[in-house]
Amino acid sequence: MPIAAAVSRCTLWQIRRQIAQMQGATKESVGAIQEIAASIVSVNQSATTIAAAVEEQGAATKEIARNVQEAAQGTQEVSTNIVGVNKSASETGDMAHSLLSAAEELTQQSGRLGKACEDFFARIRAA
């Protein structure tokens, strides 16, 4: 076999070997790219789930804030009512004190009137 044929066979064999290596590397690259694509899909699904959870959490937070605001308004109304009740109770106490003073005054006047009637009837009997 001439040297030229041997060299061409060797070169053909090397070319085939390099092609086979390139095909193997290409298959590995395709596999790696498929794994990366699967990872991207998984990350995308996780991001979508997280976004939905964040949106739901935001809605829940808004609802809690609204409830807190309503509770604060209710507390303000109760506080206002307590101030009104306290004022009314104070006024009622003042009126009760005035009524007691008037009753004591009436009791004293009744005593004086009774004494005056006794004195009047005593003078009528004596006369």
Protein backbone atom coordinates (compact mmCIF):
# COMPACT_ATOMS: atom_id res chain seq x y z
CA MET A 1 0.00 0.00 0.00
CA PRO A 2 1.44 3.22 -1.03
CA ILE A 3 2.12 5.90 1.51
CA ALA A 4 -0.37 8.32 -0.03
CA ALA A 5 -3.19 5.78 0.38
CA ALA A 6 -2.15 5.11 3.96
CA VAL A 7 -2.07 8.84 4.74
CA SER A 8 -5.47 9.36 3.13
CA ARG A 9 -6.88 6.40 5.07
CA CYS A 10 -5.39 7.74 8.28
CA THR A 11 -6.77 11.19 7.55
CA LEU A 12 -10.18 9.72 6.69
CA TRP A 13 -10.14 7.72 9.91
CA GLN A 14 -9.20 10.86 11.88
CA ILE A 15 -11.95 12.81 10.18
CA ARG A 16 -14.49 10.11 11.04
CA ARG A 17 -13.21 10.03 14.61
CA GLN A 18 -13.47 13.81 14.90
CA ILE A 19 -16.98 13.75 13.41
CA ALA A 20 -17.97 11.06 15.91
CA GLN A 21 -16.48 13.16 18.73
CA MET A 22 -18.34 16.25 17.49
CA GLN A 23 -21.57 14.26 17.31
CA GLY A 24 -21.00 13.05 20.88
CA ALA A 25 -20.24 16.58 22.08
CA THR A 26 -23.34 17.86 20.24
CA LYS A 27 -25.51 15.20 21.93
CA GLU A 28 -24.07 16.20 25.32
CA SER A 29 -24.71 19.87 24.51
CA VAL A 30 -28.30 19.11 23.50
CA GLY A 31 -28.79 17.17 26.76
CA ALA A 32 -27.33 20.03 28.80
CA ILE A 33 -29.52 22.56 26.96
CA GLN A 34 -32.58 20.39 27.63
CA GLU A 35 -31.68 20.27 31.34
CA ILE A 36 -31.24 24.04 31.37
CA ALA A 37 -34.61 24.48 29.63
CA ALA A 38 -36.26 22.19 32.21
CA SER A 39 -34.63 24.24 34.98
CA ILE A 40 -35.92 27.46 33.41
CA VAL A 41 -39.44 26.00 33.23
CA SER A 42 -39.20 24.96 36.87
CA VAL A 43 -37.93 28.40 37.93
CA ASN A 44 -40.72 30.01 35.91
CA GLN A 45 -43.33 27.83 37.63
CA SER A 46 -41.85 28.70 41.03
CA ALA A 47 -41.85 32.40 40.16
CA THR A 48 -45.50 32.18 39.05
CA THR A 49 -46.44 30.41 42.29
CA ILE A 50 -44.54 32.99 44.34
CA ALA A 51 -46.18 35.86 42.44
CA ALA A 52 -49.63 34.39 43.10
CA ALA A 53 -48.78 33.95 46.79
CA VAL A 54 -47.50 37.53 47.00
CA GLU A 55 -50.69 38.81 45.36
CA GLU A 56 -52.81 36.76 47.76
CA GLN A 57 -50.75 38.01 50.71
CA GLY A 58 -51.23 41.59 49.48
CA ALA A 59 -54.99 41.10 49.34
CA ALA A 60 -55.00 39.60 52.83
CA THR A 61 -52.90 42.49 54.13
CA LYS A 62 -55.33 45.01 52.61
CA GLU A 63 -58.24 43.18 54.25
CA ILE A 64 -56.47 43.21 57.61
CA ALA A 65 -55.72 46.93 57.25
CA ARG A 66 -59.37 47.62 56.40
CA ASN A 67 -60.51 45.61 59.44
CA VAL A 68 -58.05 47.44 61.68
CA GLN A 69 -59.33 50.78 60.37
CA GLU A 70 -62.93 49.75 61.03
CA ALA A 71 -61.99 48.59 64.53
CA ALA A 72 -60.26 51.91 65.17
CA GLN A 73 -63.36 53.79 64.03
CA GLY A 74 -65.51 51.59 66.27
CA THR A 75 -63.17 52.25 69.17
CA GLN A 76 -63.41 55.99 68.52
CA GLU A 77 -67.21 55.78 68.53
CA VAL A 78 -67.18 53.82 71.79
CA SER A 79 -64.80 56.35 73.30
CA THR A 80 -67.07 59.20 72.22
CA ASN A 81 -70.07 57.39 73.70
CA ILE A 82 -68.23 56.81 76.97
CA VAL A 83 -67.44 60.52 77.19
CA GLY A 84 -71.16 61.25 76.64
CA VAL A 85 -72.21 58.71 79.26
CA ASN A 86 -69.66 60.12 81.70
CA LYS A 87 -71.00 63.64 81.12
CA SER A 88 -74.59 62.45 81.57
CA ALA A 89 -73.65 60.58 84.74
CA SER A 90 -71.97 63.72 86.09
CA GLU A 91 -75.03 65.84 85.25
CA THR A 92 -77.30 63.22 86.86
CA GLY A 93 -75.11 63.29 89.98
CA ASP A 94 -75.34 67.09 90.08
CA MET A 95 -79.14 66.93 89.73
CA ALA A 96 -79.37 64.25 92.43
CA HIS A 97 -77.33 66.46 94.75
CA SER A 98 -79.61 69.44 93.98
CA LEU A 99 -82.69 67.27 94.57
CA LEU A 100 -81.28 66.07 97.89
CA SER A 101 -80.59 69.66 98.95
CA ALA A 102 -84.15 70.65 97.95
CA ALA A 103 -85.57 67.67 99.85
CA GLU A 104 -83.56 68.64 102.94
CA GLU A 105 -84.82 72.24 102.59
CA LEU A 106 -88.41 70.96 102.26
CA THR A 107 -87.93 68.80 105.34
CA GLN A 108 -86.73 71.83 107.31
CA GLN A 109 -89.60 74.00 105.98
CA SER A 110 -92.08 71.24 106.80
CA GLY A 111 -90.69 71.12 110.35
CA ARG A 112 -90.99 74.91 110.70
CA LEU A 113 -94.52 74.84 109.21
CA GLY A 114 -95.52 72.08 111.63
CA LYS A 115 -94.10 74.07 114.55
CA ALA A 116 -95.92 77.21 113.34
CA CYS A 117 -99.21 75.26 113.07
CA GLU A 118 -98.74 73.88 116.58
CA ASP A 119 -98.04 77.36 117.91
CA PHE A 120 -101.08 78.74 116.01
CA PHE A 121 -103.43 76.07 117.36
CA ALA A 122 -101.97 76.50 120.82
CA ARG A 123 -102.74 80.22 120.69
CA ILE A 124 -106.26 79.49 119.41
CA ARG A 125 -106.87 77.06 122.30
CA ALA A 126 -105.47 79.48 124.81
CA ALA A 127 -107.65 82.28 123.59
